Amino acid sequence: ADRRANKTGVFRGIHHDHAEAERMSLAFIQDRIDTDDPMRGYTVRTDDEQRCLQGFIWFTTFTTWTHFFKWDSKSPDAGLRGTADRHRIRWDSDNSLAWELEQQERSGDPAVEGVIWSRVG
């Protein structure tokens, strides 16, 4: 386990089959920082004089680059059905979350600024 953690960068104690897919590449993160607008975020710091950074999160509005995007957790393309069941992961098995996301307002041109889902971050 230690050798794998050192080789792959997976945190000790969080080893599972889909850990590799969950990590984001540096190139992806840099692309998001360069492209996404607006970008918002929060930091978590210690409650003392040092105010050490404990963590952070940043987010932006959800944007798609096609008119044909559809939220559908049960679609084979989502890759959730078999994987989530095998790994005992909670997922949108009744598609209710996907249905609610599909009802959200969206606007824009995929060839210009993208289709922006202003209430999905």
PDB file of N, CA and C in Angstrom:
ATOM      1  N   ALA A   1       0.828  -1.189   0.000  1.00  0.00           N
ATOM      2  CA  ALA A   1       0.000   0.000   0.000  1.00  0.00           C
ATOM      3  C   ALA A   1       0.870   1.251   0.000  1.00  0.00           C
ATOM      4  N   ASP A   2       1.942   1.257   0.800  1.00  0.00           N
ATOM      5  CA  ASP A   2       2.823   2.419   0.842  1.00  0.00           C
ATOM      6  C   ASP A   2       3.470   2.672  -0.517  1.00  0.00           C
ATOM      7  N   ARG A   3       3.917   1.592  -1.175  1.00  0.00           N
ATOM      8  CA  ARG A   3       4.558   1.745  -2.478  1.00  0.00           C
ATOM      9  C   ARG A   3       3.579   2.332  -3.495  1.00  0.00           C
ATOM     10  N   ARG A   4       2.343   1.835  -3.471  1.00  0.00           N
ATOM     11  CA  ARG A   4       1.344   2.366  -4.406  1.00  0.00           C
ATOM     12  C   ARG A   4       1.038   3.825  -4.098  1.00  0.00           C
ATOM     13  N   ALA A   5       0.929   4.160  -2.820  1.00  0.00           N
ATOM     14  CA  ALA A   5       0.658   5.545  -2.441  1.00  0.00           C
ATOM     15  C   ALA A   5       1.775   6.463  -2.920  1.00  0.00           C
ATOM     16  N   ASN A   6       3.019   6.019  -2.759  1.00  0.00           N
ATOM     17  CA  ASN A   6       4.147   6.833  -3.217  1.00  0.00           C
ATOM     18  C   ASN A   6       4.192   6.939  -4.734  1.00  0.00           C
ATOM     19  N   LYS A   7       3.859   5.844  -5.424  1.00  0.00           N
ATOM     20  CA  LYS A   7       3.920   5.822  -6.887  1.00  0.00           C
ATOM     21  C   LYS A   7       2.784   6.609  -7.527  1.00  0.00           C
ATOM     22  N   THR A   8       1.562   6.455  -7.025  1.00  0.00           N
ATOM     23  CA  THR A   8       0.395   7.060  -7.671  1.00  0.00           C
ATOM     24  C   THR A   8      -0.061   8.358  -7.028  1.00  0.00           C
ATOM     25  N   GLY A   9       0.381   8.635  -5.821  1.00  0.00           N
ATOM     26  CA  GLY A   9      -0.070   9.827  -5.135  1.00  0.00           C
ATOM     27  C   GLY A   9      -1.406   9.663  -4.444  1.00  0.00           C
ATOM     28  N   VAL A  10      -1.961   8.444  -4.454  1.00  0.00           N
ATOM     29  CA  VAL A  10      -3.228   8.200  -3.773  1.00  0.00           C
ATOM     30  C   VAL A  10      -2.980   8.296  -2.277  1.00  0.00           C
ATOM     31  N   PHE A  11      -3.848   9.002  -1.579  1.00  0.00           N
ATOM     32  CA  PHE A  11      -3.676   9.150  -0.144  1.00  0.00           C
ATOM     33  C   PHE A  11      -3.821   7.822   0.574  1.00  0.00           C
ATOM     34  N   ARG A  12      -3.037   7.613   1.586  1.00  0.00           N
ATOM     35  CA  ARG A  12      -3.092   6.390   2.372  1.00  0.00           C
ATOM     36  C   ARG A  12      -4.490   6.222   2.953  1.00  0.00           C
ATOM     37  N   GLY A  13      -5.063   5.032   2.809  1.00  0.00           N
ATOM     38  CA  GLY A  13      -6.372   4.746   3.368  1.00  0.00           C
ATOM     39  C   GLY A  13      -7.525   5.004   2.415  1.00  0.00           C
ATOM     40  N   ILE A  14      -7.239   5.571   1.243  1.00  0.00           N
ATOM     41  CA  ILE A  14      -8.310   5.867   0.296  1.00  0.00           C
ATOM     42  C   ILE A  14      -8.088   5.072  -0.981  1.00  0.00           C
ATOM     43  N   HIS A  15      -7.574   3.865  -0.871  1.00  0.00           N
ATOM     44  CA  HIS A  15      -7.312   3.042  -2.051  1.00  0.00           C
ATOM     45  C   HIS A  15      -8.592   2.347  -2.491  1.00  0.00           C
ATOM     46  N   HIS A  16      -8.979   2.564  -3.714  1.00  0.00           N
ATOM     47  CA  HIS A  16     -10.103   1.850  -4.294  1.00  0.00           C
ATOM     48  C   HIS A  16      -9.933   1.857  -5.802  1.00  0.00           C
ATOM     49  N   ASP A  17     -10.688   1.003  -6.489  1.00  0.00           N
ATOM     50  CA  ASP A  17     -10.508   0.801  -7.918  1.00  0.00           C
ATOM     51  C   ASP A  17     -10.686   2.053  -8.752  1.00  0.00           C
ATOM     52  N   HIS A  18     -11.544   2.969  -8.331  1.00  0.00           N
ATOM     53  CA  HIS A  18     -11.797   4.144  -9.153  1.00  0.00           C
ATOM     54  C   HIS A  18     -11.055   5.393  -8.658  1.00  0.00           C
ATOM     55  N   ALA A  19     -10.071   5.235  -7.773  1.00  0.00           N
ATOM     56  CA  ALA A  19      -9.321   6.389  -7.267  1.00  0.00           C
ATOM     57  C   ALA A  19      -8.589   7.114  -8.391  1.00  0.00           C
ATOM     58  N   GLU A  20      -8.058   6.354  -9.349  1.00  0.00           N
ATOM     59  CA  GLU A  20      -7.332   6.977 -10.455  1.00  0.00           C
ATOM     60  C   GLU A  20      -8.242   7.913 -11.241  1.00  0.00           C
ATOM     61  N   ALA A  21      -9.480   7.524 -11.468  1.00  0.00           N
ATOM     62  CA  ALA A  21     -10.406   8.333 -12.254  1.00  0.00           C
ATOM     63  C   ALA A  21     -10.849   9.590 -11.510  1.00  0.00           C
ATOM     64  N   GLU A  22     -10.774   9.569 -10.182  1.00  0.00           N
ATOM     65  CA  GLU A  22     -11.230  10.705  -9.394  1.00  0.00           C
ATOM     66  C   GLU A  22     -10.212  11.838  -9.342  1.00  0.00           C
ATOM     67  N   ARG A  23      -8.952  11.546  -9.541  1.00  0.00           N
ATOM     68  CA  ARG A  23      -7.930  12.581  -9.490  1.00  0.00           C
ATOM     69  C   ARG A  23      -7.983  13.442 -10.737  1.00  0.00           C
ATOM     70  N   MET A  24      -7.848  14.738 -10.572  1.00  0.00           N
ATOM     71  CA  MET A  24      -7.822  15.637 -11.715  1.00  0.00           C
ATOM     72  C   MET A  24      -6.374  15.963 -12.072  1.00  0.00           C
ATOM     73  N   SER A  25      -6.096  16.011 -13.349  1.00  0.00           N
ATOM     74  CA  SER A  25      -4.738  16.314 -13.791  1.00  0.00           C
ATOM     75  C   SER A  25      -4.444  17.799 -13.608  1.00  0.00           C
ATOM     76  N   LEU A  26      -3.183  18.120 -13.489  1.00  0.00           N
ATOM     77  CA  LEU A  26      -2.756  19.507 -13.379  1.00  0.00           C
ATOM     78  C   LEU A  26      -3.188  20.279 -14.622  1.00  0.00           C
ATOM     79  N   ALA A  27      -3.077  19.667 -15.799  1.00  0.00           N
ATOM     80  CA  ALA A  27      -3.476  20.332 -17.046  1.00  0.00           C
ATOM     81  C   ALA A  27      -4.964  20.694 -17.016  1.00  0.00           C
ATOM     82  N   PHE A  28      -5.809  19.785 -16.500  1.00  0.00           N
ATOM     83  CA  PHE A  28      -7.241  20.060 -16.408  1.00  0.00           C
ATOM     84  C   PHE A  28      -7.495  21.236 -15.465  1.00  0.00           C
ATOM     85  N   ILE A  29      -6.833  21.232 -14.310  1.00  0.00           N
ATOM     86  CA  ILE A  29      -7.025  22.306 -13.333  1.00  0.00           C
ATOM     87  C   ILE A  29      -6.575  23.639 -13.921  1.00  0.00           C
ATOM     88  N   GLN A  30      -5.415  23.667 -14.593  1.00  0.00           N
ATOM     89  CA  GLN A  30      -4.931  24.899 -15.209  1.00  0.00           C
ATOM     90  C   GLN A  30      -5.894  25.394 -16.278  1.00  0.00           C
ATOM     91  N   ASP A  31      -6.447  24.478 -17.074  1.00  0.00           N
ATOM     92  CA  ASP A  31      -7.417  24.853 -18.101  1.00  0.00           C
ATOM     93  C   ASP A  31      -8.658  25.463 -17.473  1.00  0.00           C
ATOM     94  N   ARG A  32      -9.127  24.893 -16.378  1.00  0.00           N
ATOM     95  CA  ARG A  32     -10.306  25.440 -15.701  1.00  0.00           C
ATOM     96  C   ARG A  32     -10.023  26.852 -15.191  1.00  0.00           C
ATOM     97  N   ILE A  33      -8.855  27.069 -14.592  1.00  0.00           N
ATOM     98  CA  ILE A  33      -8.507  28.390 -14.067  1.00  0.00           C
ATOM     99  C   ILE A  33      -8.441  29.408 -15.198  1.00  0.00           C
ATOM    100  N   ASP A  34      -7.873  29.010 -16.342  1.00  0.00           N
ATOM    101  CA  ASP A  34      -7.743  29.922 -17.487  1.00  0.00           C
ATOM    102  C   ASP A  34      -9.077  30.197 -18.171  1.00  0.00           C
ATOM    103  N   THR A  35      -9.998  29.242 -18.159  1.00  0.00           N
ATOM    104  CA  THR A  35     -11.215  29.310 -18.966  1.00  0.00           C
ATOM    105  C   THR A  35     -12.448  29.750 -18.190  1.00  0.00           C
ATOM    106  N   ASP A  36     -12.643  29.221 -16.998  1.00  0.00           N
ATOM    107  CA  ASP A  36     -13.904  29.419 -16.284  1.00  0.00           C
ATOM    108  C   ASP A  36     -14.062  30.845 -15.771  1.00  0.00           C
ATOM    109  N   ASP A  37     -15.268  31.384 -15.964  1.00  0.00           N
ATOM    110  CA  ASP A  37     -15.577  32.727 -15.519  1.00  0.00           C
ATOM    111  C   ASP A  37     -17.085  32.821 -15.351  1.00  0.00           C
ATOM    112  N   PRO A  38     -17.623  33.245 -14.257  1.00  0.00           N
ATOM    113  CA  PRO A  38     -16.915  33.717 -13.070  1.00  0.00           C
ATOM    114  C   PRO A  38     -16.420  32.546 -12.226  1.00  0.00           C
ATOM    115  N   MET A  39     -15.412  32.796 -11.450  1.00  0.00           N
ATOM    116  CA  MET A  39     -14.886  31.785 -10.535  1.00  0.00           C
ATOM    117  C   MET A  39     -15.010  32.325  -9.115  1.00  0.00           C
ATOM    118  N   ARG A  40     -15.552  31.504  -8.242  1.00  0.00           N
ATOM    119  CA  ARG A  40     -15.722  31.883  -6.842  1.00  0.00           C
ATOM    120  C   ARG A  40     -15.064  30.825  -5.977  1.00  0.00           C
ATOM    121  N   GLY A  41     -14.826  31.154  -4.710  1.00  0.00           N
ATOM    122  CA  GLY A  41     -14.227  30.153  -3.846  1.00  0.00           C
ATOM    123  C   GLY A  41     -14.244  30.520  -2.383  1.00  0.00           C
ATOM    124  N   TYR A  42     -13.860  29.542  -1.590  1.00  0.00           N
ATOM    125  CA  TYR A  42     -13.774  29.693  -0.137  1.00  0.00           C
ATOM    126  C   TYR A  42     -12.497  29.026   0.351  1.00  0.00           C
ATOM    127  N   THR A  43     -11.977  29.538   1.453  1.00  0.00           N
ATOM    128  CA  THR A  43     -10.854  28.882   2.105  1.00  0.00           C
ATOM    129  C   THR A  43     -11.259  28.523   3.532  1.00  0.00           C
ATOM    130  N   VAL A  44     -10.600  27.509   4.059  1.00  0.00           N
ATOM    131  CA  VAL A  44     -10.791  27.113   5.454  1.00  0.00           C
ATOM    132  C   VAL A  44      -9.441  27.275   6.131  1.00  0.00           C
ATOM    133  N   ARG A  45      -9.420  28.051   7.205  1.00  0.00           N
ATOM    134  CA  ARG A  45      -8.168  28.322   7.922  1.00  0.00           C
ATOM    135  C   ARG A  45      -8.321  27.998   9.403  1.00  0.00           C
ATOM    136  N   THR A  46      -7.197  27.789  10.063  1.00  0.00           N
ATOM    137  CA  THR A  46      -7.232  27.518  11.504  1.00  0.00           C
ATOM    138  C   THR A  46      -7.709  28.758  12.248  1.00  0.00           C
ATOM    139  N   ASP A  47      -8.315  28.526  13.389  1.00  0.00           N
ATOM    140  CA  ASP A  47      -8.858  29.609  14.203  1.00  0.00           C
ATOM    141  C   ASP A  47      -7.853  30.003  15.283  1.00  0.00           C
ATOM    142  N   ASP A  48      -6.699  30.501  14.821  1.00  0.00           N
ATOM    143  CA  ASP A  48      -5.657  30.949  15.746  1.00  0.00           C
ATOM    144  C   ASP A  48      -4.888  32.090  15.077  1.00  0.00           C
ATOM    145  N   GLU A  49      -3.825  32.528  15.699  1.00  0.00           N
ATOM    146  CA  GLU A  49      -3.049  33.650  15.156  1.00  0.00           C
ATOM    147  C   GLU A  49      -2.398  33.316  13.813  1.00  0.00           C
ATOM    148  N   GLN A  50      -2.030  32.063  13.602  1.00  0.00           N
ATOM    149  CA  GLN A  50      -1.334  31.688  12.367  1.00  0.00           C
ATOM    150  C   GLN A  50      -2.253  31.631  11.156  1.00  0.00           C
ATOM    151  N   ARG A  51      -3.534  31.325  11.359  1.00  0.00           N
ATOM    152  CA  ARG A  51      -4.514  31.258  10.262  1.00  0.00           C
ATOM    153  C   ARG A  51      -4.019  30.372   9.119  1.00  0.00           C
ATOM    154  N   CYS A  52      -3.492  29.180   9.453  1.00  0.00           N
ATOM    155  CA  CYS A  52      -2.960  28.245   8.454  1.00  0.00           C
ATOM    156  C   CYS A  52      -4.080  27.734   7.549  1.00  0.00           C
ATOM    157  N   LEU A  53      -3.769  27.618   6.278  1.00  0.00           N
ATOM    158  CA  LEU A  53      -4.727  27.112   5.308  1.00  0.00           C
ATOM    159  C   LEU A  53      -4.968  25.626   5.543  1.00  0.00           C
ATOM    160  N   GLN A  54      -6.227  25.246   5.721  1.00  0.00           N
ATOM    161  CA  GLN A  54      -6.605  23.855   5.930  1.00  0.00           C
ATOM    162  C   GLN A  54      -7.194  23.227   4.678  1.00  0.00           C
ATOM    163  N   GLY A  55      -7.758  24.045   3.825  1.00  0.00           N
ATOM    164  CA  GLY A  55      -8.354  23.551   2.593  1.00  0.00           C
ATOM    165  C   GLY A  55      -9.013  24.683   1.833  1.00  0.00           C
ATOM    166  N   PHE A  56      -9.454  24.371   0.631  1.00  0.00           N
ATOM    167  CA  PHE A  56     -10.132  25.377  -0.176  1.00  0.00           C
ATOM    168  C   PHE A  56     -11.049  24.679  -1.170  1.00  0.00           C
ATOM    169  N   ILE A  57     -11.976  25.451  -1.698  1.00  0.00           N
ATOM    170  CA  ILE A  57     -12.839  24.968  -2.772  1.00  0.00           C
ATOM    171  C   ILE A  57     -13.081  26.148  -3.701  1.00  0.00           C
ATOM    172  N   TRP A  58     -13.047  25.892  -5.000  1.00  0.00           N
ATOM    173  CA  TRP A  58     -13.428  26.929  -5.949  1.00  0.00           C
ATOM    174  C   TRP A  58     -14.409  26.327  -6.936  1.00  0.00           C
ATOM    175  N   PHE A  59     -15.269  27.181  -7.457  1.00  0.00           N
ATOM    176  CA  PHE A  59     -16.324  26.692  -8.336  1.00  0.00           C
ATOM    177  C   PHE A  59     -16.721  27.773  -9.323  1.00  0.00           C
ATOM    178  N   THR A  60     -17.423  27.363 -10.348  1.00  0.00           N
ATOM    179  CA  THR A  60     -17.929  28.262 -11.373  1.00  0.00           C
ATOM    180  C   THR A  60     -19.267  27.732 -11.848  1.00  0.00           C
ATOM    181  N   THR A  61     -19.924  28.462 -12.725  1.00  0.00           N
ATOM    182  CA  THR A  61     -21.175  27.969 -13.280  1.00  0.00           C
ATOM    183  C   THR A  61     -20.880  26.805 -14.216  1.00  0.00           C
ATOM    184  N   PHE A  62     -21.827  25.890 -14.322  1.00  0.00           N
ATOM    185  CA  PHE A  62     -21.676  24.721 -15.185  1.00  0.00           C
ATOM    186  C   PHE A  62     -21.919  25.155 -16.627  1.00  0.00           C
ATOM    187  N   THR A  63     -21.025  24.776 -17.531  1.00  0.00           N
ATOM    188  CA  THR A  63     -21.130  25.145 -18.942  1.00  0.00           C
ATOM    189  C   THR A  63     -20.959  23.906 -19.798  1.00  0.00           C
ATOM    190  N   THR A  64     -21.814  23.771 -20.801  1.00  0.00           N
ATOM    191  CA  THR A  64     -21.669  22.697 -21.778  1.00  0.00           C
ATOM    192  C   THR A  64     -21.393  23.323 -23.136  1.00  0.00           C
ATOM    193  N   TRP A  65     -20.844  22.539 -24.037  1.00  0.00           N
ATOM    194  CA  TRP A  65     -20.466  23.059 -25.354  1.00  0.00           C
ATOM    195  C   TRP A  65     -21.275  22.392 -26.457  1.00  0.00           C
ATOM    196  N   THR A  66     -22.515  22.016 -26.139  1.00  0.00           N
ATOM    197  CA  THR A  66     -23.439  21.428 -27.103  1.00  0.00           C
ATOM    198  C   THR A  66     -24.869  21.723 -26.667  1.00  0.00           C
ATOM    199  N   HIS A  67     -25.779  21.831 -27.624  1.00  0.00           N
ATOM    200  CA  HIS A  67     -27.203  21.981 -27.294  1.00  0.00           C
ATOM    201  C   HIS A  67     -27.800  20.649 -26.858  1.00  0.00           C
ATOM    202  N   PHE A  68     -27.109  19.557 -27.109  1.00  0.00           N
ATOM    203  CA  PHE A  68     -27.684  18.223 -26.922  1.00  0.00           C
ATOM    204  C   PHE A  68     -27.325  17.577 -25.591  1.00  0.00           C
ATOM    205  N   PHE A  69     -26.726  18.324 -24.661  1.00  0.00           N
ATOM    206  CA  PHE A  69     -26.383  17.769 -23.353  1.00  0.00           C
ATOM    207  C   PHE A  69     -27.662  17.415 -22.599  1.00  0.00           C
ATOM    208  N   LYS A  70     -27.666  16.255 -21.943  1.00  0.00           N
ATOM    209  CA  LYS A  70     -28.824  15.820 -21.159  1.00  0.00           C
ATOM    210  C   LYS A  70     -28.338  15.162 -19.874  1.00  0.00           C
ATOM    211  N   TRP A  71     -28.922  15.564 -18.741  1.00  0.00           N
ATOM    212  CA  TRP A  71     -28.646  14.908 -17.472  1.00  0.00           C
ATOM    213  C   TRP A  71     -29.398  13.595 -17.451  1.00  0.00           C
ATOM    214  N   ASP A  72     -28.704  12.477 -17.267  1.00  0.00           N
ATOM    215  CA  ASP A  72     -29.345  11.167 -17.240  1.00  0.00           C
ATOM    216  C   ASP A  72     -28.430  10.178 -16.520  1.00  0.00           C
ATOM    217  N   SER A  73     -28.673   9.976 -15.250  1.00  0.00           N
ATOM    218  CA  SER A  73     -27.832   9.091 -14.442  1.00  0.00           C
ATOM    219  C   SER A  73     -27.911   7.639 -14.862  1.00  0.00           C
ATOM    220  N   LYS A  74     -29.008   7.248 -15.493  1.00  0.00           N
ATOM    221  CA  LYS A  74     -29.191   5.851 -15.880  1.00  0.00           C
ATOM    222  C   LYS A  74     -28.619   5.523 -17.254  1.00  0.00           C
ATOM    223  N   SER A  75     -28.182   6.529 -17.979  1.00  0.00           N
ATOM    224  CA  SER A  75     -27.605   6.286 -19.298  1.00  0.00           C
ATOM    225  C   SER A  75     -26.330   5.447 -19.164  1.00  0.00           C
ATOM    226  N   PRO A  76     -26.135   4.462 -20.033  1.00  0.00           N
ATOM    227  CA  PRO A  76     -24.883   3.695 -20.000  1.00  0.00           C
ATOM    228  C   PRO A  76     -23.648   4.592 -20.165  1.00  0.00           C
ATOM    229  N   ASP A  77     -23.812   5.718 -20.876  1.00  0.00           N
ATOM    230  CA  ASP A  77     -22.691   6.649 -21.073  1.00  0.00           C
ATOM    231  C   ASP A  77     -22.239   7.304 -19.773  1.00  0.00           C
ATOM    232  N   ALA A  78     -23.131   7.392 -18.785  1.00  0.00           N
ATOM    233  CA  ALA A  78     -22.766   7.984 -17.494  1.00  0.00           C
ATOM    234  C   ALA A  78     -21.812   7.081 -16.724  1.00  0.00           C
ATOM    235  N   GLY A  79     -21.863   5.783 -16.988  1.00  0.00           N
ATOM    236  CA  GLY A  79     -20.961   4.838 -16.335  1.00  0.00           C
ATOM    237  C   GLY A  79     -21.216   4.646 -14.854  1.00  0.00           C
ATOM    238  N   LEU A  80     -22.411   4.937 -14.386  1.00  0.00           N
ATOM    239  CA  LEU A  80     -22.701   4.840 -12.954  1.00  0.00           C
ATOM    240  C   LEU A  80     -23.297   3.514 -12.535  1.00  0.00           C
ATOM    241  N   ARG A  81     -24.164   2.966 -13.346  1.00  0.00           N
ATOM    242  CA  ARG A  81     -24.967   1.814 -12.933  1.00  0.00           C
ATOM    243  C   ARG A  81     -24.124   0.661 -12.398  1.00  0.00           C
ATOM    244  N   GLY A  82     -23.292   0.066 -13.176  1.00  0.00           N
ATOM    245  CA  GLY A  82     -22.508  -1.081 -12.719  1.00  0.00           C
ATOM    246  C   GLY A  82     -21.433  -0.714 -11.719  1.00  0.00           C
ATOM    247  N   THR A  83     -20.729   0.380 -11.970  1.00  0.00           N
ATOM    248  CA  THR A  83     -19.629   0.795 -11.098  1.00  0.00           C
ATOM    249  C   THR A  83     -20.125   1.137  -9.702  1.00  0.00           C
ATOM    250  N   ALA A  84     -21.160   1.945  -9.607  1.00  0.00           N
ATOM    251  CA  ALA A  84     -21.672   2.364  -8.300  1.00  0.00           C
ATOM    252  C   ALA A  84     -22.195   1.179  -7.508  1.00  0.00           C
ATOM    253  N   ASP A  85     -22.893   0.284  -8.174  1.00  0.00           N
ATOM    254  CA  ASP A  85     -23.418  -0.888  -7.474  1.00  0.00           C
ATOM    255  C   ASP A  85     -22.299  -1.800  -6.978  1.00  0.00           C
ATOM    256  N   ARG A  86     -21.275  -2.009  -7.803  1.00  0.00           N
ATOM    257  CA  ARG A  86     -20.149  -2.876  -7.414  1.00  0.00           C
ATOM    258  C   ARG A  86     -19.366  -2.309  -6.241  1.00  0.00           C
ATOM    259  N   HIS A  87     -19.220  -0.995  -6.177  1.00  0.00           N
ATOM    260  CA  HIS A  87     -18.392  -0.378  -5.143  1.00  0.00           C
ATOM    261  C   HIS A  87     -19.218   0.186  -3.987  1.00  0.00           C
ATOM    262  N   ARG A  88     -20.491  -0.129  -3.987  1.00  0.00           N
ATOM    263  CA  ARG A  88     -21.388   0.304  -2.918  1.00  0.00           C
ATOM    264  C   ARG A  88     -21.350   1.813  -2.731  1.00  0.00           C
ATOM    265  N   ILE A  89     -21.437   2.527  -3.845  1.00  0.00           N
ATOM    266  CA  ILE A  89     -21.435   3.982  -3.841  1.00  0.00           C
ATOM    267  C   ILE A  89     -22.875   4.457  -4.011  1.00  0.00           C
ATOM    268  N   ARG A  90     -23.267   5.460  -3.227  1.00  0.00           N
ATOM    269  CA  ARG A  90     -24.610   6.019  -3.389  1.00  0.00           C
ATOM    270  C   ARG A  90     -24.648   6.798  -4.694  1.00  0.00           C
ATOM    271  N   TRP A  91     -25.720   6.612  -5.448  1.00  0.00           N
ATOM    272  CA  TRP A  91     -25.844   7.308  -6.720  1.00  0.00           C
ATOM    273  C   TRP A  91     -27.306   7.584  -7.014  1.00  0.00           C
ATOM    274  N   ASP A  92     -27.564   8.319  -8.037  1.00  0.00           N
ATOM    275  CA  ASP A  92     -28.908   8.739  -8.426  1.00  0.00           C
ATOM    276  C   ASP A  92     -29.632   7.597  -9.133  1.00  0.00           C
ATOM    277  N   SER A  93     -29.881   6.511  -8.414  1.00  0.00           N
ATOM    278  CA  SER A  93     -30.419   5.294  -9.021  1.00  0.00           C
ATOM    279  C   SER A  93     -31.846   5.465  -9.548  1.00  0.00           C
ATOM    280  N   ASP A  94     -32.611   6.408  -9.004  1.00  0.00           N
ATOM    281  CA  ASP A  94     -33.972   6.630  -9.511  1.00  0.00           C
ATOM    282  C   ASP A  94     -34.036   7.790 -10.506  1.00  0.00           C
ATOM    283  N   ASN A  95     -32.890   8.377 -10.827  1.00  0.00           N
ATOM    284  CA  ASN A  95     -32.755   9.452 -11.816  1.00  0.00           C
ATOM    285  C   ASN A  95     -33.439  10.752 -11.379  1.00  0.00           C
ATOM    286  N   SER A  96     -33.815  10.878 -10.105  1.00  0.00           N
ATOM    287  CA  SER A  96     -34.517  12.079  -9.642  1.00  0.00           C
ATOM    288  C   SER A  96     -33.607  13.312  -9.635  1.00  0.00           C
ATOM    289  N   LEU A  97     -32.353  13.143  -9.258  1.00  0.00           N
ATOM    290  CA  LEU A  97     -31.420  14.271  -9.303  1.00  0.00           C
ATOM    291  C   LEU A  97     -31.201  14.721 -10.743  1.00  0.00           C
ATOM    292  N   ALA A  98     -31.001  13.772 -11.638  1.00  0.00           N
ATOM    293  CA  ALA A  98     -30.821  14.111 -13.056  1.00  0.00           C
ATOM    294  C   ALA A  98     -32.053  14.837 -13.594  1.00  0.00           C
ATOM    295  N   TRP A  99     -33.246  14.393 -13.202  1.00  0.00           N
ATOM    296  CA  TRP A  99     -34.473  15.038 -13.661  1.00  0.00           C
ATOM    297  C   TRP A  99     -34.512  16.492 -13.203  1.00  0.00           C
ATOM    298  N   GLU A 100     -34.170  16.736 -11.917  1.00  0.00           N
ATOM    299  CA  GLU A 100     -34.180  18.110 -11.404  1.00  0.00           C
ATOM    300  C   GLU A 100     -33.129  18.969 -12.098  1.00  0.00           C
ATOM    301  N   LEU A 101     -31.946  18.415 -12.348  1.00  0.00           N
ATOM    302  CA  LEU A 101     -30.918  19.170 -13.065  1.00  0.00           C
ATOM    303  C   LEU A 101     -31.360  19.487 -14.487  1.00  0.00           C
ATOM    304  N   GLU A 102     -32.031  18.551 -15.114  1.00  0.00           N
ATOM    305  CA  GLU A 102     -32.515  18.750 -16.487  1.00  0.00           C
ATOM    306  C   GLU A 102     -33.536  19.890 -16.569  1.00  0.00           C
ATOM    307  N   GLN A 103     -34.241  20.178 -15.463  1.00  0.00           N
ATOM    308  CA  GLN A 103     -35.243  21.253 -15.451  1.00  0.00           C
ATOM    309  C   GLN A 103     -34.628  22.643 -15.296  1.00  0.00           C
ATOM    310  N   GLN A 104     -33.332  22.717 -15.005  1.00  0.00           N
ATOM    311  CA  GLN A 104     -32.703  24.009 -14.732  1.00  0.00           C
ATOM    312  C   GLN A 104     -32.594  24.868 -15.984  1.00  0.00           C
ATOM    313  N   GLU A 105     -32.676  26.172 -15.747  1.00  0.00           N
ATOM    314  CA  GLU A 105     -32.569  27.161 -16.812  1.00  0.00           C
ATOM    315  C   GLU A 105     -31.163  27.132 -17.411  1.00  0.00           C
ATOM    316  N   ARG A 106     -31.094  27.297 -18.711  1.00  0.00           N
ATOM    317  CA  ARG A 106     -29.802  27.351 -19.399  1.00  0.00           C
ATOM    318  C   ARG A 106     -29.927  28.291 -20.586  1.00  0.00           C
ATOM    319  N   SER A 107     -28.819  28.918 -20.982  1.00  0.00           N
ATOM    320  CA  SER A 107     -28.836  29.823 -22.117  1.00  0.00           C
ATOM    321  C   SER A 107     -27.432  29.914 -22.705  1.00  0.00           C
ATOM    322  N   GLY A 108     -27.365  30.345 -23.951  1.00  0.00           N
ATOM    323  CA  GLY A 108     -26.078  30.560 -24.591  1.00  0.00           C
ATOM    324  C   GLY A 108     -25.909  29.760 -25.859  1.00  0.00           C
ATOM    325  N   ASP A 109     -24.856  30.067 -26.550  1.00  0.00           N
ATOM    326  CA  ASP A 109     -24.531  29.434 -27.824  1.00  0.00           C
ATOM    327  C   ASP A 109     -23.285  28.572 -27.635  1.00  0.00           C
ATOM    328  N   PRO A 110     -23.387  27.264 -27.921  1.00  0.00           N
ATOM    329  CA  PRO A 110     -22.225  26.395 -27.709  1.00  0.00           C
ATOM    330  C   PRO A 110     -21.022  26.758 -28.576  1.00  0.00           C
ATOM    331  N   ALA A 111     -21.233  27.449 -29.680  1.00  0.00           N
ATOM    332  CA  ALA A 111     -20.126  27.826 -30.559  1.00  0.00           C
ATOM    333  C   ALA A 111     -19.448  29.120 -30.110  1.00  0.00           C
ATOM    334  N   VAL A 112     -20.057  29.839 -29.178  1.00  0.00           N
ATOM    335  CA  VAL A 112     -19.494  31.118 -28.744  1.00  0.00           C
ATOM    336  C   VAL A 112     -19.067  31.036 -27.276  1.00  0.00           C
ATOM    337  N   GLU A 113     -20.004  31.299 -26.362  1.00  0.00           N
ATOM    338  CA  GLU A 113     -19.672  31.308 -24.940  1.00  0.00           C
ATOM    339  C   GLU A 113     -20.014  30.015 -24.223  1.00  0.00           C
ATOM    340  N   GLY A 114     -20.665  29.087 -24.929  1.00  0.00           N
ATOM    341  CA  GLY A 114     -21.109  27.842 -24.308  1.00  0.00           C
ATOM    342  C   GLY A 114     -22.532  27.988 -23.806  1.00  0.00           C
ATOM    343  N   VAL A 115     -23.141  26.872 -23.471  1.00  0.00           N
ATOM    344  CA  VAL A 115     -24.469  26.872 -22.873  1.00  0.00           C
ATOM    345  C   VAL A 115     -24.262  26.920 -21.366  1.00  0.00           C
ATOM    346  N   ILE A 116     -24.701  28.007 -20.755  1.00  0.00           N
ATOM    347  CA  ILE A 116     -24.418  28.268 -19.348  1.00  0.00           C
ATOM    348  C   ILE A 116     -25.634  27.908 -18.504  1.00  0.00           C
ATOM    349  N   TRP A 117     -25.406  27.090 -17.511  1.00  0.00           N
ATOM    350  CA  TRP A 117     -26.430  26.676 -16.554  1.00  0.00           C
ATOM    351  C   TRP A 117     -26.197  27.525 -15.310  1.00  0.00           C
ATOM    352  N   SER A 118     -26.852  28.687 -15.245  1.00  0.00           N
ATOM    353  CA  SER A 118     -26.525  29.679 -14.220  1.00  0.00           C
ATOM    354  C   SER A 118     -26.821  29.243 -12.790  1.00  0.00           C
ATOM    355  N   ARG A 119     -27.665  28.239 -12.590  1.00  0.00           N
ATOM    356  CA  ARG A 119     -27.988  27.789 -11.233  1.00  0.00           C
ATOM    357  C   ARG A 119     -27.344  26.459 -10.870  1.00  0.00           C
ATOM    358  N   VAL A 120     -26.409  25.988 -11.713  1.00  0.00           N
ATOM    359  CA  VAL A 120     -25.671  24.747 -11.442  1.00  0.00           C
ATOM    360  C   VAL A 120     -24.204  25.119 -11.376  1.00  0.00           C
ATOM    361  N   GLY A 121     -23.536  24.784 -10.257  1.00  0.00           N
ATOM    362  CA  GLY A 121     -22.137  25.150 -10.086  1.00  0.00           C
ATOM    363  C   GLY A 121     -21.243  23.954 -10.036  1.00  0.00           C
TER     364      GLY A 121
END
